[in-house]
Amino acid sequence: MTDNDKHEAEYSNHSSVFVRDLEIDDLAPVYHLGESVFTSDLYPYLYRTWDEWEVIGLYNTDPEYCLVAQIDEQLAGFILGTVISKASWTYGYIMWLGVSPNFQRRGVGDKLVDKLVERMIEDGVRFMLVDTDPANIPAVKFFSRKGFGNTRQHIFLSMNLSKHDYYGRLISYEREKAERAAYKRSRRRPSAQPQGIASEAATKVMVTETPLPPVEPPSIPPIS
C-alpha cells in the first residue's frame, strides 16, 4: 500500500468533517483548544506566542481567513490566516492550525488547509507561506505532504529580563514604584466615619506622620 493509499484509508470519513467560518461564539473554544494543543512542554515557541488576542485580532482583521472544522457538531480544529500583498506577489500566510487530539487522523487538517487555500486563490494569492516550531515534527510532515517545501530554519532567542544586570534593576525600580503608588492610594481612602466626625487624635496622626522619602531611580550607566 502506498502512502497515498494509507492517507485515503485514514481519511475515508472525510465527509463527516464540516468546515465553516469562525463566528464570535467560537472565539473562546478556539482559544482553549489552542491552549491544549500548543503546550509549553511540547512546543515552547508556539506556547509563548499563542494567546486570546491572536484569535480576536485575526477574527477582526481577516475573518474570511478564519475557519473552524466540526465533527458531529463538536469543534475538531481551526485555521487562522492572512494575506500579504507585495508589489510582485500576493502571499497567503497560514498563521495557526490546530486539530483537537480527539479528532486526529480524520482529515481535519486537510479540509481546513484546502478550504483556506481555495479562498486565498480566489483573492489573488499565488504563493503560500507557513511556519511552525521546528520541534513540531507532525506539522512539518503534514505541510510537506500538502506540497510545502523550501524549508528555512528560524532562530528564536529569548531573555529573562529579571536576571539581566541592567534590565533587572529597571524591573526592581518599577516594582518599587508600583508598591509605593499602591501605598499612597491606600492612605487616601476615605474614612468609614461620616464626614466631619473624624477624631482629633486620628487627624493629628495623619498630619504629624513622617512622610516616606521619595524613590530615586537606580543609578544605571548608559549602555555603550
C-alpha atoms as a PDB file:
ATOM      1  CA  MET A   1       0.000   0.000   0.000  1.00  0.00           C
ATOM      2  CA  THR A   2       1.405   3.417  -0.958  1.00  0.00           C
ATOM      3  CA  ASP A   3       1.454   6.444   1.337  1.00  0.00           C
ATOM      4  CA  ASN A   4      -1.412   7.993  -0.623  1.00  0.00           C
ATOM      5  CA  ASP A   5      -3.466   4.809  -0.177  1.00  0.00           C
ATOM      6  CA  LYS A   6      -2.797   4.912   3.555  1.00  0.00           C
ATOM      7  CA  HIS A   7      -3.919   8.544   3.766  1.00  0.00           C
ATOM      8  CA  GLU A   8      -7.045   7.800   1.762  1.00  0.00           C
ATOM      9  CA  ALA A   9      -7.866   4.927   4.116  1.00  0.00           C
ATOM     10  CA  GLU A  10      -7.267   7.097   7.191  1.00  0.00           C
ATOM     11  CA  TYR A  11      -9.459   9.878   5.775  1.00  0.00           C
ATOM     12  CA  SER A  12     -12.237   7.667   4.473  1.00  0.00           C
ATOM     13  CA  ASN A  13     -14.673   9.569   6.708  1.00  0.00           C
ATOM     14  CA  HIS A  14     -13.703  12.938   5.177  1.00  0.00           C
ATOM     15  CA  SER A  15     -17.363  13.760   4.520  1.00  0.00           C
ATOM     16  CA  SER A  16     -18.068  13.920   8.261  1.00  0.00           C
ATOM     17  CA  VAL A  17     -15.784  16.976   8.583  1.00  0.00           C
ATOM     18  CA  PHE A  18     -17.726  20.210   8.230  1.00  0.00           C
ATOM     19  CA  VAL A  19     -15.737  23.425   7.667  1.00  0.00           C
ATOM     20  CA  ARG A  20     -17.323  26.829   8.205  1.00  0.00           C
ATOM     21  CA  ASP A  21     -16.433  30.432   9.036  1.00  0.00           C
ATOM     22  CA  LEU A  22     -15.293  31.164  12.560  1.00  0.00           C
ATOM     23  CA  GLU A  23     -18.028  33.010  14.466  1.00  0.00           C
ATOM     24  CA  ILE A  24     -17.922  35.150  17.585  1.00  0.00           C
ATOM     25  CA  ASP A  25     -19.146  32.287  19.769  1.00  0.00           C
ATOM     26  CA  ASP A  26     -16.172  30.218  18.581  1.00  0.00           C
ATOM     27  CA  LEU A  27     -13.526  32.613  19.923  1.00  0.00           C
ATOM     28  CA  ALA A  28     -13.274  31.140  23.416  1.00  0.00           C
ATOM     29  CA  PRO A  29     -13.457  27.457  22.339  1.00  0.00           C
ATOM     30  CA  VAL A  30     -10.813  28.036  19.655  1.00  0.00           C
ATOM     31  CA  TYR A  31      -8.530  29.778  22.128  1.00  0.00           C
ATOM     32  CA  HIS A  32      -8.861  26.972  24.671  1.00  0.00           C
ATOM     33  CA  LEU A  33      -8.292  24.333  22.001  1.00  0.00           C
ATOM     34  CA  GLY A  34      -5.084  26.136  21.080  1.00  0.00           C
ATOM     35  CA  GLU A  35      -4.065  26.109  24.744  1.00  0.00           C
ATOM     36  CA  SER A  36      -4.469  22.336  24.836  1.00  0.00           C
ATOM     37  CA  VAL A  37      -2.531  21.828  21.592  1.00  0.00           C
ATOM     38  CA  PHE A  38       0.298  24.392  21.842  1.00  0.00           C
ATOM     39  CA  THR A  39       1.689  23.293  25.209  1.00  0.00           C
ATOM     40  CA  SER A  40       4.887  24.586  26.819  1.00  0.00           C
ATOM     41  CA  ASP A  41       6.429  21.142  27.207  1.00  0.00           C
ATOM     42  CA  LEU A  42       5.970  20.150  23.560  1.00  0.00           C
ATOM     43  CA  TYR A  43       6.159  23.426  21.633  1.00  0.00           C
ATOM     44  CA  PRO A  44       7.511  26.262  23.825  1.00  0.00           C
ATOM     45  CA  TYR A  45       7.690  28.801  20.980  1.00  0.00           C
ATOM     46  CA  LEU A  46       4.054  28.251  19.980  1.00  0.00           C
ATOM     47  CA  TYR A  47       3.023  28.283  23.636  1.00  0.00           C
ATOM     48  CA  ARG A  48       4.649  31.684  24.209  1.00  0.00           C
ATOM     49  CA  THR A  49       3.071  33.337  21.182  1.00  0.00           C
ATOM     50  CA  TRP A  50      -0.436  31.857  21.414  1.00  0.00           C
ATOM     51  CA  ASP A  51      -2.976  33.969  23.316  1.00  0.00           C
ATOM     52  CA  GLU A  52      -6.575  35.130  23.044  1.00  0.00           C
ATOM     53  CA  TRP A  53      -5.559  38.217  21.070  1.00  0.00           C
ATOM     54  CA  GLU A  54      -4.234  36.026  18.272  1.00  0.00           C
ATOM     55  CA  VAL A  55      -7.770  34.729  17.763  1.00  0.00           C
ATOM     56  CA  ILE A  56      -9.574  38.017  18.388  1.00  0.00           C
ATOM     57  CA  GLY A  57      -7.170  40.064  16.279  1.00  0.00           C
ATOM     58  CA  LEU A  58      -7.347  37.825  13.207  1.00  0.00           C
ATOM     59  CA  TYR A  59     -11.112  37.469  13.594  1.00  0.00           C
ATOM     60  CA  ASN A  60     -11.385  41.273  13.461  1.00  0.00           C
ATOM     61  CA  THR A  61      -8.928  41.871  10.604  1.00  0.00           C
ATOM     62  CA  ASP A  62      -9.189  38.709   8.462  1.00  0.00           C
ATOM     63  CA  PRO A  63     -12.496  36.981   9.274  1.00  0.00           C
ATOM     64  CA  GLU A  64     -12.689  35.391   5.803  1.00  0.00           C
ATOM     65  CA  TYR A  65      -9.466  33.505   6.552  1.00  0.00           C
ATOM     66  CA  CYS A  66     -10.547  32.209   9.965  1.00  0.00           C
ATOM     67  CA  LEU A  67     -12.222  28.804   9.731  1.00  0.00           C
ATOM     68  CA  VAL A  68     -13.282  26.053  12.100  1.00  0.00           C
ATOM     69  CA  ALA A  69     -13.945  22.369  11.483  1.00  0.00           C
ATOM     70  CA  GLN A  70     -16.666  20.375  13.186  1.00  0.00           C
ATOM     71  CA  ILE A  71     -17.332  16.666  13.514  1.00  0.00           C
ATOM     72  CA  ASP A  72     -20.715  15.694  14.943  1.00  0.00           C
ATOM     73  CA  GLU A  73     -21.212  19.353  15.920  1.00  0.00           C
ATOM     74  CA  GLN A  74     -18.040  19.310  18.053  1.00  0.00           C
ATOM     75  CA  LEU A  75     -15.079  21.614  17.477  1.00  0.00           C
ATOM     76  CA  ALA A  76     -12.470  19.483  15.741  1.00  0.00           C
ATOM     77  CA  GLY A  77      -9.969  22.109  14.615  1.00  0.00           C
ATOM     78  CA  PHE A  78      -9.320  25.619  13.381  1.00  0.00           C
ATOM     79  CA  ILE A  79      -7.141  27.531  10.949  1.00  0.00           C
ATOM     80  CA  LEU A  80      -6.243  31.236  11.049  1.00  0.00           C
ATOM     81  CA  GLY A  81      -4.555  33.028   8.179  1.00  0.00           C
ATOM     82  CA  THR A  82      -3.978  36.333   6.457  1.00  0.00           C
ATOM     83  CA  VAL A  83      -2.990  37.733   3.063  1.00  0.00           C
ATOM     84  CA  ILE A  84       0.130  39.832   2.486  1.00  0.00           C
ATOM     85  CA  SER A  85       0.214  41.947  -0.667  1.00  0.00           C
ATOM     86  CA  LYS A  86       3.556  42.972  -2.148  1.00  0.00           C
ATOM     87  CA  ALA A  87       4.419  44.707  -5.407  1.00  0.00           C
ATOM     88  CA  SER A  88       5.105  41.495  -7.296  1.00  0.00           C
ATOM     89  CA  TRP A  89       3.302  38.789  -5.299  1.00  0.00           C
ATOM     90  CA  THR A  90       0.268  38.243  -3.110  1.00  0.00           C
ATOM     91  CA  TYR A  91       1.100  35.809  -0.340  1.00  0.00           C
ATOM     92  CA  GLY A  92      -1.210  33.649   1.716  1.00  0.00           C
ATOM     93  CA  TYR A  93       0.080  33.045   5.224  1.00  0.00           C
ATOM     94  CA  ILE A  94      -1.202  30.230   7.448  1.00  0.00           C
ATOM     95  CA  MET A  95      -0.554  31.583  10.919  1.00  0.00           C
ATOM     96  CA  TRP A  96      -2.220  28.952  13.096  1.00  0.00           C
ATOM     97  CA  LEU A  97      -3.550  25.453  12.528  1.00  0.00           C
ATOM     98  CA  GLY A  98      -4.823  23.352  15.414  1.00  0.00           C
ATOM     99  CA  VAL A  99      -6.581  19.996  15.488  1.00  0.00           C
ATOM    100  CA  SER A 100      -8.189  18.509  18.578  1.00  0.00           C
ATOM    101  CA  PRO A 101      -6.446  15.371  19.879  1.00  0.00           C
ATOM    102  CA  ASN A 102      -9.888  13.736  19.860  1.00  0.00           C
ATOM    103  CA  PHE A 103     -10.111  14.079  16.064  1.00  0.00           C
ATOM    104  CA  GLN A 104      -6.606  13.315  14.874  1.00  0.00           C
ATOM    105  CA  ARG A 105      -6.198  11.363  11.613  1.00  0.00           C
ATOM    106  CA  ARG A 106      -9.702  12.261  10.492  1.00  0.00           C
ATOM    107  CA  GLY A 107      -8.727  14.627   7.685  1.00  0.00           C
ATOM    108  CA  VAL A 108      -9.464  17.771   9.707  1.00  0.00           C
ATOM    109  CA  GLY A 109      -6.177  19.498   8.870  1.00  0.00           C
ATOM    110  CA  ASP A 110      -6.509  18.634   5.175  1.00  0.00           C
ATOM    111  CA  LYS A 111     -10.021  20.036   4.984  1.00  0.00           C
ATOM    112  CA  LEU A 112      -9.080  23.254   6.744  1.00  0.00           C
ATOM    113  CA  VAL A 113      -5.969  23.908   4.637  1.00  0.00           C
ATOM    114  CA  ASP A 114      -7.730  23.079   1.366  1.00  0.00           C
ATOM    115  CA  LYS A 115     -10.652  25.391   2.140  1.00  0.00           C
ATOM    116  CA  LEU A 116      -8.396  28.248   3.193  1.00  0.00           C
ATOM    117  CA  VAL A 117      -6.155  27.936   0.127  1.00  0.00           C
ATOM    118  CA  GLU A 118      -9.228  27.873  -2.139  1.00  0.00           C
ATOM    119  CA  ARG A 119     -10.412  31.171  -0.651  1.00  0.00           C
ATOM    120  CA  MET A 120      -7.000  32.742  -0.943  1.00  0.00           C
ATOM    121  CA  ILE A 121      -6.681  31.716  -4.594  1.00  0.00           C
ATOM    122  CA  GLU A 122      -9.998  33.467  -5.250  1.00  0.00           C
ATOM    123  CA  ASP A 123      -8.470  36.595  -3.693  1.00  0.00           C
ATOM    124  CA  GLY A 124      -5.400  36.510  -5.930  1.00  0.00           C
ATOM    125  CA  VAL A 125      -2.934  34.583  -3.776  1.00  0.00           C
ATOM    126  CA  ARG A 126      -0.296  32.751  -5.818  1.00  0.00           C
ATOM    127  CA  PHE A 127       2.238  31.872  -3.109  1.00  0.00           C
ATOM    128  CA  MET A 128       1.612  30.229   0.273  1.00  0.00           C
ATOM    129  CA  LEU A 129       3.653  30.562   3.463  1.00  0.00           C
ATOM    130  CA  VAL A 130       3.517  28.680   6.740  1.00  0.00           C
ATOM    131  CA  ASP A 131       5.820  28.372   9.726  1.00  0.00           C
ATOM    132  CA  THR A 132       5.902  26.241  12.860  1.00  0.00           C
ATOM    133  CA  ASP A 133       8.103  25.206  15.743  1.00  0.00           C
ATOM    134  CA  PRO A 134      10.959  23.045  14.387  1.00  0.00           C
ATOM    135  CA  ALA A 135      10.148  20.552  17.149  1.00  0.00           C
ATOM    136  CA  ASN A 136       6.632  20.153  15.753  1.00  0.00           C
ATOM    137  CA  ILE A 137       7.587  17.204  13.542  1.00  0.00           C
ATOM    138  CA  PRO A 138       3.975  16.122  12.822  1.00  0.00           C
ATOM    139  CA  ALA A 139       3.210  19.600  11.456  1.00  0.00           C
ATOM    140  CA  VAL A 140       6.385  19.659   9.354  1.00  0.00           C
ATOM    141  CA  LYS A 141       5.475  16.280   7.838  1.00  0.00           C
ATOM    142  CA  PHE A 142       1.868  17.351   7.297  1.00  0.00           C
ATOM    143  CA  PHE A 143       2.743  20.534   5.410  1.00  0.00           C
ATOM    144  CA  SER A 144       5.412  18.727   3.405  1.00  0.00           C
ATOM    145  CA  ARG A 145       2.767  16.243   2.314  1.00  0.00           C
ATOM    146  CA  LYS A 146       0.477  19.139   1.353  1.00  0.00           C
ATOM    147  CA  GLY A 147       3.159  20.436  -1.029  1.00  0.00           C
ATOM    148  CA  PHE A 148       5.015  22.980   1.110  1.00  0.00           C
ATOM    149  CA  GLY A 149       8.797  22.935   0.821  1.00  0.00           C
ATOM    150  CA  ASN A 150      11.902  25.129   0.616  1.00  0.00           C
ATOM    151  CA  THR A 151      12.359  24.792   4.382  1.00  0.00           C
ATOM    152  CA  ARG A 152      14.276  27.523   6.200  1.00  0.00           C
ATOM    153  CA  GLN A 153      15.322  27.300   9.833  1.00  0.00           C
ATOM    154  CA  HIS A 154      14.166  30.210  12.020  1.00  0.00           C
ATOM    155  CA  ILE A 155      16.222  31.030  15.106  1.00  0.00           C
ATOM    156  CA  PHE A 156      14.213  32.087  18.183  1.00  0.00           C
ATOM    157  CA  LEU A 157      16.107  33.804  21.018  1.00  0.00           C
ATOM    158  CA  SER A 158      14.827  34.604  24.496  1.00  0.00           C
ATOM    159  CA  MET A 159      15.986  36.500  27.593  1.00  0.00           C
ATOM    160  CA  ASN A 160      14.841  36.534  31.228  1.00  0.00           C
ATOM    161  CA  LEU A 161      14.804  40.275  31.953  1.00  0.00           C
ATOM    162  CA  SER A 162      14.798  39.794  35.727  1.00  0.00           C
ATOM    163  CA  LYS A 163      18.200  38.119  35.549  1.00  0.00           C
ATOM    164  CA  HIS A 164      19.770  40.803  33.368  1.00  0.00           C
ATOM    165  CA  ASP A 165      22.016  43.271  35.204  1.00  0.00           C
ATOM    166  CA  TYR A 166      20.632  46.429  33.578  1.00  0.00           C
ATOM    167  CA  TYR A 167      17.017  45.453  32.841  1.00  0.00           C
ATOM    168  CA  GLY A 168      16.704  43.655  36.173  1.00  0.00           C
ATOM    169  CA  ARG A 169      17.379  46.896  38.062  1.00  0.00           C
ATOM    170  CA  LEU A 170      14.764  48.682  35.957  1.00  0.00           C
ATOM    171  CA  ILE A 171      12.230  45.978  36.838  1.00  0.00           C
ATOM    172  CA  SER A 172      13.056  46.350  40.555  1.00  0.00           C
ATOM    173  CA  TYR A 173      12.660  50.122  40.282  1.00  0.00           C
ATOM    174  CA  GLU A 174       9.278  49.835  38.530  1.00  0.00           C
ATOM    175  CA  ARG A 175       8.088  47.284  41.094  1.00  0.00           C
ATOM    176  CA  GLU A 176       9.037  49.553  43.988  1.00  0.00           C
ATOM    177  CA  LYS A 177       7.342  52.486  42.270  1.00  0.00           C
ATOM    178  CA  ALA A 178       4.127  50.479  41.891  1.00  0.00           C
ATOM    179  CA  GLU A 179       4.224  49.399  45.539  1.00  0.00           C
ATOM    180  CA  ARG A 180       4.600  52.998  46.696  1.00  0.00           C
ATOM    181  CA  ALA A 181       1.738  54.127  44.461  1.00  0.00           C
ATOM    182  CA  ALA A 182      -0.483  51.409  45.930  1.00  0.00           C
ATOM    183  CA  TYR A 183       0.522  52.503  49.451  1.00  0.00           C
ATOM    184  CA  LYS A 184      -0.343  56.146  48.711  1.00  0.00           C
ATOM    185  CA  ARG A 185      -3.731  55.142  47.304  1.00  0.00           C
ATOM    186  CA  SER A 186      -4.484  53.167  50.449  1.00  0.00           C
ATOM    187  CA  ARG A 187      -3.605  56.187  52.609  1.00  0.00           C
ATOM    188  CA  ARG A 188      -6.027  58.375  50.630  1.00  0.00           C
ATOM    189  CA  ARG A 189      -9.018  56.078  51.088  1.00  0.00           C
ATOM    190  CA  PRO A 190     -11.950  57.937  52.750  1.00  0.00           C
ATOM    191  CA  SER A 191     -12.765  57.041  56.350  1.00  0.00           C
ATOM    192  CA  ALA A 192     -15.778  54.871  57.036  1.00  0.00           C
ATOM    193  CA  GLN A 193     -16.914  57.508  59.582  1.00  0.00           C
ATOM    194  CA  PRO A 194     -19.304  60.247  58.454  1.00  0.00           C
ATOM    195  CA  GLN A 195     -17.605  63.372  57.162  1.00  0.00           C
ATOM    196  CA  GLY A 196     -16.717  65.822  59.935  1.00  0.00           C
ATOM    197  CA  ILE A 197     -16.799  63.245  62.768  1.00  0.00           C
ATOM    198  CA  ALA A 198     -13.183  62.045  62.481  1.00  0.00           C
ATOM    199  CA  SER A 199     -11.497  62.271  65.860  1.00  0.00           C
ATOM    200  CA  GLU A 200      -8.886  64.923  66.629  1.00  0.00           C
ATOM    201  CA  ALA A 201      -6.377  62.213  67.546  1.00  0.00           C
ATOM    202  CA  ALA A 202      -6.733  60.500  64.190  1.00  0.00           C
ATOM    203  CA  THR A 203      -6.356  63.825  62.422  1.00  0.00           C
ATOM    204  CA  LYS A 204      -3.149  64.574  64.319  1.00  0.00           C
ATOM    205  CA  VAL A 205      -1.720  61.191  63.357  1.00  0.00           C
ATOM    206  CA  MET A 206      -2.337  61.904  59.690  1.00  0.00           C
ATOM    207  CA  VAL A 207      -0.800  65.367  59.921  1.00  0.00           C
ATOM    208  CA  THR A 208       2.281  64.575  62.005  1.00  0.00           C
ATOM    209  CA  GLU A 209       3.202  61.238  60.432  1.00  0.00           C
ATOM    210  CA  THR A 210       6.700  61.404  58.932  1.00  0.00           C
ATOM    211  CA  PRO A 211       6.473  61.134  55.140  1.00  0.00           C
ATOM    212  CA  LEU A 212       8.434  58.383  53.394  1.00  0.00           C
ATOM    213  CA  PRO A 213      11.387  59.546  51.283  1.00  0.00           C
ATOM    214  CA  PRO A 214      10.795  59.540  47.514  1.00  0.00           C
ATOM    215  CA  VAL A 215      12.047  56.629  45.447  1.00  0.00           C
ATOM    216  CA  GLU A 216      15.019  57.523  43.336  1.00  0.00           C
ATOM    217  CA  PRO A 217      15.586  55.668  40.068  1.00  0.00           C
ATOM    218  CA  PRO A 218      18.563  53.310  40.088  1.00  0.00           C
ATOM    219  CA  SER A 219      21.890  54.726  39.043  1.00  0.00           C
ATOM    220  CA  ILE A 220      22.455  52.967  35.770  1.00  0.00           C
ATOM    221  CA  PRO A 221      25.320  53.839  33.486  1.00  0.00           C
ATOM    222  CA  PRO A 222      24.448  54.311  29.813  1.00  0.00           C
ATOM    223  CA  ILE A 223      24.862  51.317  27.577  1.00  0.00           C
ATOM    224  CA  SER A 224      27.829  51.766  25.283  1.00  0.00           C
END
